[in-house]
Amino acid sequence: MSDPLILIPARMSATRLPGKPLADIHGEPMIVRVWRRAVAAGIGPVAVATDSAEILAAVEAVGGVAVMTSVDHPSGSDRIKEAADILDPNGLHDVIVNVQGDFPTLEPVAIAAAITPLADPAVQIATLVGLITDDEEKTAPSVVKMVGSPVAPGRLRALYFTRATAPYGEGPLYHHVGIYAYRRRALDRFVSLPQSTLEKRESLEQLRALEDGMRIDAMIIDHVPRGVDTPPDLDRARAVLKTSA
């Protein structure tokens, strides 16, 4: 693999927390916090892909790279595809890492771990999961679970993603962490596919890849960062980052 290109999609029009990329977390916009963690992962160049001049300015103000993309993208995957084509038109980076712009507590080591499964040529997309330890999360539809089969120490092959409690029976449940490392060709193929039946039913775009026959493997990490979607989520992120400062 060449050095991966890390891209962070960010837009201002979040329904439950408008303008959240610029939400202040101890003196810095959230998107800058995420950018710093992606840079600290040390696996390749980092850029923010956005449709907002305000977000672009915030990233550039701290010395970061940002690129303007279309306002019409239906998902972050489509946005990073456009950004990759702008920043790397010759395809020199054969791995594109999609780091969510609302994960300010994601540890740099986790970002680095996300590319590990791609050392296996059979894997097309890599991601992360963490063990669910909170009983409430086991049944919460907002917590996406991955059903997987072990293929190596600390690594699972994804069989399904669901908002339901699965799999049934005794054993661990895994919380999916929404960061993806795509082989460049896999990303190109993924965004060219129509929405799939199960993707629409579960409202989980990664099911489109599984239904198409793509292989997704996940590394198990020892923490589960929660995305910031609501004001309480933002308060929790502020508390976590104040404690870790």
C-alpha atoms as a PDB file:
ATOM      1  CA  MET A   1       0.000   0.000   0.000  1.00  0.00           C
ATOM      2  CA  SER A   2       1.117   3.556  -0.654  1.00  0.00           C
ATOM      3  CA  ASP A   3       0.737   6.170   2.043  1.00  0.00           C
ATOM      4  CA  PRO A   4      -3.002   6.533   2.639  1.00  0.00           C
ATOM      5  CA  LEU A   5      -4.777   9.809   2.074  1.00  0.00           C
ATOM      6  CA  ILE A   6      -6.961  10.731   5.065  1.00  0.00           C
ATOM      7  CA  LEU A   7     -10.060  12.740   4.208  1.00  0.00           C
ATOM      8  CA  ILE A   8     -12.517  14.252   6.687  1.00  0.00           C
ATOM      9  CA  PRO A   9     -15.945  15.108   5.242  1.00  0.00           C
ATOM     10  CA  ALA A  10     -17.643  18.047   6.947  1.00  0.00           C
ATOM     11  CA  ARG A  11     -20.781  20.031   6.165  1.00  0.00           C
ATOM     12  CA  MET A  12     -22.690  22.697   8.045  1.00  0.00           C
ATOM     13  CA  SER A  13     -26.258  21.474   7.498  1.00  0.00           C
ATOM     14  CA  ALA A  14     -26.606  18.888  10.259  1.00  0.00           C
ATOM     15  CA  THR A  15     -30.261  18.599  11.266  1.00  0.00           C
ATOM     16  CA  ARG A  16     -29.924  18.024  15.019  1.00  0.00           C
ATOM     17  CA  LEU A  17     -26.881  20.223  15.603  1.00  0.00           C
ATOM     18  CA  PRO A  18     -26.596  22.859  12.852  1.00  0.00           C
ATOM     19  CA  GLY A  19     -23.087  24.135  12.249  1.00  0.00           C
ATOM     20  CA  LYS A  20     -21.575  21.364  14.372  1.00  0.00           C
ATOM     21  CA  PRO A  21     -18.151  21.258  12.618  1.00  0.00           C
ATOM     22  CA  LEU A  22     -17.516  24.730  14.025  1.00  0.00           C
ATOM     23  CA  ALA A  23     -18.880  23.957  17.505  1.00  0.00           C
ATOM     24  CA  ASP A  24     -16.378  25.190  20.079  1.00  0.00           C
ATOM     25  CA  ILE A  25     -14.532  22.589  22.132  1.00  0.00           C
ATOM     26  CA  HIS A  26     -12.237  24.322  24.609  1.00  0.00           C
ATOM     27  CA  GLY A  27     -11.258  27.097  22.255  1.00  0.00           C
ATOM     28  CA  GLU A  28     -11.113  25.216  18.946  1.00  0.00           C
ATOM     29  CA  PRO A  29     -13.747  24.209  16.385  1.00  0.00           C
ATOM     30  CA  MET A  30     -14.630  20.524  16.473  1.00  0.00           C
ATOM     31  CA  ILE A  31     -13.412  19.996  12.902  1.00  0.00           C
ATOM     32  CA  VAL A  32      -9.973  21.296  13.897  1.00  0.00           C
ATOM     33  CA  ARG A  33      -9.895  18.861  16.823  1.00  0.00           C
ATOM     34  CA  VAL A  34     -10.639  15.985  14.451  1.00  0.00           C
ATOM     35  CA  TRP A  35      -8.069  17.229  11.928  1.00  0.00           C
ATOM     36  CA  ARG A  36      -5.375  17.354  14.625  1.00  0.00           C
ATOM     37  CA  ARG A  37      -6.093  13.748  15.627  1.00  0.00           C
ATOM     38  CA  ALA A  38      -5.950  12.583  12.030  1.00  0.00           C
ATOM     39  CA  VAL A  39      -2.602  14.314  11.559  1.00  0.00           C
ATOM     40  CA  ALA A  40      -1.326  12.753  14.803  1.00  0.00           C
ATOM     41  CA  ALA A  41      -2.130   9.276  13.397  1.00  0.00           C
ATOM     42  CA  GLY A  42       0.923   9.769  11.187  1.00  0.00           C
ATOM     43  CA  ILE A  43      -0.155   7.473   8.344  1.00  0.00           C
ATOM     44  CA  GLY A  44      -0.453   9.975   5.509  1.00  0.00           C
ATOM     45  CA  PRO A  45      -1.543  13.454   4.417  1.00  0.00           C
ATOM     46  CA  VAL A  46      -4.813  14.810   5.804  1.00  0.00           C
ATOM     47  CA  ALA A  47      -7.417  17.102   4.252  1.00  0.00           C
ATOM     48  CA  VAL A  48     -10.930  18.238   5.090  1.00  0.00           C
ATOM     49  CA  ALA A  49     -13.559  17.899   2.340  1.00  0.00           C
ATOM     50  CA  THR A  50     -16.324  20.443   2.786  1.00  0.00           C
ATOM     51  CA  ASP A  51     -19.028  22.480   1.092  1.00  0.00           C
ATOM     52  CA  SER A  52     -18.587  25.412   3.477  1.00  0.00           C
ATOM     53  CA  ALA A  53     -16.251  28.366   3.130  1.00  0.00           C
ATOM     54  CA  GLU A  54     -16.415  28.793   6.916  1.00  0.00           C
ATOM     55  CA  ILE A  55     -15.144  25.274   7.550  1.00  0.00           C
ATOM     56  CA  LEU A  56     -12.443  25.696   4.918  1.00  0.00           C
ATOM     57  CA  ALA A  57     -11.293  28.936   6.572  1.00  0.00           C
ATOM     58  CA  ALA A  58     -11.217  27.346  10.050  1.00  0.00           C
ATOM     59  CA  VAL A  59      -9.005  24.503   8.851  1.00  0.00           C
ATOM     60  CA  GLU A  60      -6.685  26.717   6.830  1.00  0.00           C
ATOM     61  CA  ALA A  61      -6.338  29.092   9.810  1.00  0.00           C
ATOM     62  CA  VAL A  62      -4.440  26.375  11.716  1.00  0.00           C
ATOM     63  CA  GLY A  63      -2.320  25.363   8.741  1.00  0.00           C
ATOM     64  CA  GLY A  64      -4.497  22.514   7.526  1.00  0.00           C
ATOM     65  CA  VAL A  65      -5.547  21.566   4.007  1.00  0.00           C
ATOM     66  CA  ALA A  66      -9.186  21.771   2.986  1.00  0.00           C
ATOM     67  CA  VAL A  67     -10.928  21.397  -0.357  1.00  0.00           C
ATOM     68  CA  MET A  68     -14.308  22.647  -1.494  1.00  0.00           C
ATOM     69  CA  THR A  69     -16.688  19.991  -2.790  1.00  0.00           C
ATOM     70  CA  SER A  70     -20.241  19.948  -4.115  1.00  0.00           C
ATOM     71  CA  VAL A  71     -23.174  20.811  -1.854  1.00  0.00           C
ATOM     72  CA  ASP A  72     -25.212  18.019  -3.447  1.00  0.00           C
ATOM     73  CA  HIS A  73     -23.424  14.923  -2.119  1.00  0.00           C
ATOM     74  CA  PRO A  74     -25.813  12.444  -0.440  1.00  0.00           C
ATOM     75  CA  SER A  75     -23.102  11.002   1.832  1.00  0.00           C
ATOM     76  CA  GLY A  76     -19.618  11.526   3.199  1.00  0.00           C
ATOM     77  CA  SER A  77     -18.360   8.733   0.952  1.00  0.00           C
ATOM     78  CA  ASP A  78     -19.423  10.675  -2.143  1.00  0.00           C
ATOM     79  CA  ARG A  79     -17.771  13.804  -0.761  1.00  0.00           C
ATOM     80  CA  ILE A  80     -14.435  12.111  -0.120  1.00  0.00           C
ATOM     81  CA  LYS A  81     -14.532  10.541  -3.588  1.00  0.00           C
ATOM     82  CA  GLU A  82     -14.713  14.025  -5.128  1.00  0.00           C
ATOM     83  CA  ALA A  83     -12.016  15.322  -2.771  1.00  0.00           C
ATOM     84  CA  ALA A  84      -9.705  12.400  -3.602  1.00  0.00           C
ATOM     85  CA  ASP A  85     -10.118  13.068  -7.311  1.00  0.00           C
ATOM     86  CA  ILE A  86      -9.299  16.756  -6.779  1.00  0.00           C
ATOM     87  CA  LEU A  87      -6.304  16.255  -4.501  1.00  0.00           C
ATOM     88  CA  ASP A  88      -4.918  13.101  -6.104  1.00  0.00           C
ATOM     89  CA  PRO A  89      -6.108  12.988  -9.734  1.00  0.00           C
ATOM     90  CA  ASN A  90      -3.396  10.504 -10.727  1.00  0.00           C
ATOM     91  CA  GLY A  91      -4.360   7.984  -8.040  1.00  0.00           C
ATOM     92  CA  LEU A  92      -0.985   7.938  -6.311  1.00  0.00           C
ATOM     93  CA  HIS A  93      -2.707   7.122  -3.011  1.00  0.00           C
ATOM     94  CA  ASP A  94      -4.318   3.709  -3.341  1.00  0.00           C
ATOM     95  CA  VAL A  95      -5.985   3.884   0.081  1.00  0.00           C
ATOM     96  CA  ILE A  96      -8.498   6.555   1.099  1.00  0.00           C
ATOM     97  CA  VAL A  97      -9.380   6.819   4.789  1.00  0.00           C
ATOM     98  CA  ASN A  98     -12.712   8.421   5.661  1.00  0.00           C
ATOM     99  CA  VAL A  99     -12.570   9.917   9.174  1.00  0.00           C
ATOM    100  CA  GLN A 100     -15.891  11.316  10.351  1.00  0.00           C
ATOM    101  CA  GLY A 101     -15.746  15.023  11.134  1.00  0.00           C
ATOM    102  CA  ASP A 102     -17.872  14.581  14.272  1.00  0.00           C
ATOM    103  CA  PHE A 103     -15.507  12.209  16.125  1.00  0.00           C
ATOM    104  CA  PRO A 104     -13.408  14.620  18.209  1.00  0.00           C
ATOM    105  CA  THR A 105     -12.560  11.941  20.799  1.00  0.00           C
ATOM    106  CA  LEU A 106     -11.281   9.367  18.282  1.00  0.00           C
ATOM    107  CA  GLU A 107      -7.746   8.352  19.261  1.00  0.00           C
ATOM    108  CA  PRO A 108      -5.000   8.727  16.622  1.00  0.00           C
ATOM    109  CA  VAL A 109      -3.924   5.122  17.230  1.00  0.00           C
ATOM    110  CA  ALA A 110      -7.401   3.979  16.185  1.00  0.00           C
ATOM    111  CA  ILE A 111      -7.149   5.869  12.897  1.00  0.00           C
ATOM    112  CA  ALA A 112      -3.848   4.136  12.238  1.00  0.00           C
ATOM    113  CA  ALA A 113      -5.361   0.742  13.119  1.00  0.00           C
ATOM    114  CA  ALA A 114      -8.131   1.197  10.559  1.00  0.00           C
ATOM    115  CA  ILE A 115      -5.831   0.519   7.611  1.00  0.00           C
ATOM    116  CA  THR A 116      -4.384  -2.713   9.051  1.00  0.00           C
ATOM    117  CA  PRO A 117      -6.830  -5.166   7.404  1.00  0.00           C
ATOM    118  CA  LEU A 118      -5.919  -3.824   3.967  1.00  0.00           C
ATOM    119  CA  ALA A 119      -2.573  -5.607   4.230  1.00  0.00           C
ATOM    120  CA  ASP A 120      -4.696  -8.633   3.247  1.00  0.00           C
ATOM    121  CA  PRO A 121      -5.305  -8.318  -0.526  1.00  0.00           C
ATOM    122  CA  ALA A 122      -8.728  -9.978  -0.161  1.00  0.00           C
ATOM    123  CA  VAL A 123     -10.049  -7.056   1.925  1.00  0.00           C
ATOM    124  CA  GLN A 124     -11.549  -4.118   0.035  1.00  0.00           C
ATOM    125  CA  ILE A 125     -12.790  -1.944   2.894  1.00  0.00           C
ATOM    126  CA  ALA A 126     -11.538  -1.778   6.489  1.00  0.00           C
ATOM    127  CA  THR A 127     -13.205  -0.331   9.563  1.00  0.00           C
ATOM    128  CA  LEU A 128     -13.236  -0.452  13.373  1.00  0.00           C
ATOM    129  CA  VAL A 129     -15.392  -1.918  16.142  1.00  0.00           C
ATOM    130  CA  GLY A 130     -15.306  -1.818  19.918  1.00  0.00           C
ATOM    131  CA  LEU A 131     -16.744  -4.162  22.522  1.00  0.00           C
ATOM    132  CA  ILE A 132     -20.101  -3.031  23.910  1.00  0.00           C
ATOM    133  CA  THR A 133     -19.993  -2.971  27.708  1.00  0.00           C
ATOM    134  CA  ASP A 134     -23.060  -0.800  28.422  1.00  0.00           C
ATOM    135  CA  ASP A 135     -26.301  -2.805  28.586  1.00  0.00           C
ATOM    136  CA  GLU A 136     -28.283   0.159  27.267  1.00  0.00           C
ATOM    137  CA  GLU A 137     -26.127   0.303  24.124  1.00  0.00           C
ATOM    138  CA  LYS A 138     -26.813  -3.370  23.399  1.00  0.00           C
ATOM    139  CA  THR A 139     -30.437  -2.585  22.540  1.00  0.00           C
ATOM    140  CA  ALA A 140     -30.199   1.052  21.382  1.00  0.00           C
ATOM    141  CA  PRO A 141     -31.029   1.459  17.653  1.00  0.00           C
ATOM    142  CA  SER A 142     -28.676   4.449  17.557  1.00  0.00           C
ATOM    143  CA  VAL A 143     -25.764   2.087  18.259  1.00  0.00           C
ATOM    144  CA  VAL A 144     -24.823   0.198  15.100  1.00  0.00           C
ATOM    145  CA  LYS A 145     -23.682  -3.361  15.748  1.00  0.00           C
ATOM    146  CA  MET A 146     -21.406  -5.390  13.525  1.00  0.00           C
ATOM    147  CA  VAL A 147     -21.854  -9.133  13.239  1.00  0.00           C
ATOM    148  CA  GLY A 148     -18.499 -10.613  12.321  1.00  0.00           C
ATOM    149  CA  SER A 149     -16.439 -13.757  12.177  1.00  0.00           C
ATOM    150  CA  PRO A 150     -12.881 -13.823  13.611  1.00  0.00           C
ATOM    151  CA  VAL A 151     -10.188 -14.128  10.923  1.00  0.00           C
ATOM    152  CA  ALA A 152      -7.087 -13.084  12.906  1.00  0.00           C
ATOM    153  CA  PRO A 153      -6.274 -11.860  16.424  1.00  0.00           C
ATOM    154  CA  GLY A 154      -8.231  -8.657  17.007  1.00  0.00           C
ATOM    155  CA  ARG A 155      -9.763  -8.725  13.529  1.00  0.00           C
ATOM    156  CA  LEU A 156     -13.213  -9.709  12.276  1.00  0.00           C
ATOM    157  CA  ARG A 157     -14.698 -10.204   8.845  1.00  0.00           C
ATOM    158  CA  ALA A 158     -17.972  -8.297   8.645  1.00  0.00           C
ATOM    159  CA  LEU A 159     -21.020 -10.416   7.853  1.00  0.00           C
ATOM    160  CA  TYR A 160     -23.689  -7.816   8.642  1.00  0.00           C
ATOM    161  CA  PHE A 161     -24.319  -4.417  10.238  1.00  0.00           C
ATOM    162  CA  THR A 162     -27.558  -3.714  12.093  1.00  0.00           C
ATOM    163  CA  ARG A 163     -29.325  -1.402  14.501  1.00  0.00           C
ATOM    164  CA  ALA A 164     -30.885  -4.442  16.165  1.00  0.00           C
ATOM    165  CA  THR A 165     -29.262  -6.459  18.949  1.00  0.00           C
ATOM    166  CA  ALA A 166     -27.204  -9.077  17.127  1.00  0.00           C
ATOM    167  CA  PRO A 167     -26.012 -11.753  17.045  1.00  0.00           C
ATOM    168  CA  TYR A 168     -28.358 -13.673  19.312  1.00  0.00           C
ATOM    169  CA  GLY A 169     -27.036 -15.734  22.220  1.00  0.00           C
ATOM    170  CA  GLU A 170     -24.094 -15.560  24.571  1.00  0.00           C
ATOM    171  CA  GLY A 171     -20.972 -13.750  23.483  1.00  0.00           C
ATOM    172  CA  PRO A 172     -19.612 -10.291  22.723  1.00  0.00           C
ATOM    173  CA  LEU A 173     -21.473  -7.570  20.868  1.00  0.00           C
ATOM    174  CA  TYR A 174     -19.496  -5.058  18.831  1.00  0.00           C
ATOM    175  CA  HIS A 175     -20.225  -1.378  18.346  1.00  0.00           C
ATOM    176  CA  HIS A 176     -19.311  -0.226  14.850  1.00  0.00           C
ATOM    177  CA  VAL A 177     -17.070   2.851  14.751  1.00  0.00           C
ATOM    178  CA  GLY A 178     -17.808   4.769  11.560  1.00  0.00           C
ATOM    179  CA  ILE A 179     -14.342   5.178  10.086  1.00  0.00           C
ATOM    180  CA  TYR A 180     -13.528   3.482   6.786  1.00  0.00           C
ATOM    181  CA  ALA A 181     -10.339   2.762   4.875  1.00  0.00           C
ATOM    182  CA  TYR A 182     -11.117   2.045   1.236  1.00  0.00           C
ATOM    183  CA  ARG A 183      -8.939   0.707  -1.504  1.00  0.00           C
ATOM    184  CA  ARG A 184      -9.228   3.409  -4.150  1.00  0.00           C
ATOM    185  CA  ARG A 185     -10.973   1.086  -6.605  1.00  0.00           C
ATOM    186  CA  ALA A 186     -13.398  -0.042  -3.902  1.00  0.00           C
ATOM    187  CA  LEU A 187     -14.362   3.551  -3.133  1.00  0.00           C
ATOM    188  CA  ASP A 188     -14.898   4.268  -6.829  1.00  0.00           C
ATOM    189  CA  ARG A 189     -17.112   1.210  -7.121  1.00  0.00           C
ATOM    190  CA  PHE A 190     -19.002   1.877  -3.904  1.00  0.00           C
ATOM    191  CA  VAL A 191     -20.125   5.388  -4.854  1.00  0.00           C
ATOM    192  CA  SER A 192     -21.173   4.172  -8.311  1.00  0.00           C
ATOM    193  CA  LEU A 193     -23.658   1.670  -6.857  1.00  0.00           C
ATOM    194  CA  PRO A 194     -27.326   2.479  -6.245  1.00  0.00           C
ATOM    195  CA  GLN A 195     -28.636   2.335  -2.710  1.00  0.00           C
ATOM    196  CA  SER A 196     -29.291  -1.280  -1.758  1.00  0.00           C
ATOM    197  CA  THR A 197     -32.398  -2.850  -0.232  1.00  0.00           C
ATOM    198  CA  LEU A 198     -30.911  -3.465   3.212  1.00  0.00           C
ATOM    199  CA  GLU A 199     -29.073  -0.138   3.204  1.00  0.00           C
ATOM    200  CA  LYS A 200     -32.391   1.663   2.860  1.00  0.00           C
ATOM    201  CA  ARG A 201     -34.106  -0.571   5.416  1.00  0.00           C
ATOM    202  CA  GLU A 202     -31.424  -0.175   8.135  1.00  0.00           C
ATOM    203  CA  SER A 203     -30.267   3.284   7.002  1.00  0.00           C
ATOM    204  CA  LEU A 204     -26.662   2.033   6.938  1.00  0.00           C
ATOM    205  CA  GLU A 205     -24.684   2.688   3.778  1.00  0.00           C
ATOM    206  CA  GLN A 206     -22.033   0.038   4.507  1.00  0.00           C
ATOM    207  CA  LEU A 207     -24.655  -2.605   3.761  1.00  0.00           C
ATOM    208  CA  ARG A 208     -24.502  -1.479   0.121  1.00  0.00           C
ATOM    209  CA  ALA A 209     -20.931  -2.767  -0.023  1.00  0.00           C
ATOM    210  CA  LEU A 210     -21.789  -6.090   1.619  1.00  0.00           C
ATOM    211  CA  GLU A 211     -24.781  -6.637  -0.643  1.00  0.00           C
ATOM    212  CA  ASP A 212     -22.504  -6.034  -3.626  1.00  0.00           C
ATOM    213  CA  GLY A 213     -20.136  -8.739  -2.377  1.00  0.00           C
ATOM    214  CA  MET A 214     -17.352  -6.463  -1.144  1.00  0.00           C
ATOM    215  CA  ARG A 215     -15.301  -7.742   1.779  1.00  0.00           C
ATOM    216  CA  ILE A 216     -15.150  -5.543   4.875  1.00  0.00           C
ATOM    217  CA  ASP A 217     -12.865  -6.427   7.798  1.00  0.00           C
ATOM    218  CA  ALA A 218     -12.765  -4.650  11.154  1.00  0.00           C
ATOM    219  CA  MET A 219     -10.097  -4.200  13.784  1.00  0.00           C
ATOM    220  CA  ILE A 220     -11.235  -4.362  17.412  1.00  0.00           C
ATOM    221  CA  ILE A 221     -10.143  -1.271  19.357  1.00  0.00           C
ATOM    222  CA  ASP A 222     -10.255  -0.745  23.105  1.00  0.00           C
ATOM    223  CA  HIS A 223     -12.377   2.404  23.128  1.00  0.00           C
ATOM    224  CA  VAL A 224     -15.587   3.407  21.388  1.00  0.00           C
ATOM    225  CA  PRO A 225     -15.699   7.105  20.523  1.00  0.00           C
ATOM    226  CA  ARG A 226     -19.229   8.400  20.113  1.00  0.00           C
ATOM    227  CA  GLY A 227     -20.101  10.773  17.319  1.00  0.00           C
ATOM    228  CA  VAL A 228     -21.428  14.252  18.088  1.00  0.00           C
ATOM    229  CA  ASP A 229     -24.985  14.538  16.746  1.00  0.00           C
ATOM    230  CA  THR A 230     -26.843  16.423  19.492  1.00  0.00           C
ATOM    231  CA  PRO A 231     -26.132  19.103  22.127  1.00  0.00           C
ATOM    232  CA  PRO A 232     -25.766  16.421  24.864  1.00  0.00           C
ATOM    233  CA  ASP A 233     -23.237  14.618  22.657  1.00  0.00           C
ATOM    234  CA  LEU A 234     -21.266  17.847  22.376  1.00  0.00           C
ATOM    235  CA  ASP A 235     -21.326  18.315  26.149  1.00  0.00           C
ATOM    236  CA  ARG A 236     -20.030  14.765  26.592  1.00  0.00           C
ATOM    237  CA  ALA A 237     -17.195  15.331  24.115  1.00  0.00           C
ATOM    238  CA  ARG A 238     -16.220  18.534  25.901  1.00  0.00           C
ATOM    239  CA  ALA A 239     -16.132  16.684  29.208  1.00  0.00           C
ATOM    240  CA  VAL A 240     -14.009  13.849  27.806  1.00  0.00           C
ATOM    241  CA  LEU A 241     -11.523  16.200  26.192  1.00  0.00           C
ATOM    242  CA  LYS A 242     -11.311  18.393  29.286  1.00  0.00           C
ATOM    243  CA  THR A 243     -10.471  15.313  31.364  1.00  0.00           C
ATOM    244  CA  SER A 244      -7.845  14.119  28.893  1.00  0.00           C
ATOM    245  CA  ALA A 245      -6.248  17.525  28.431  1.00  0.00           C
END
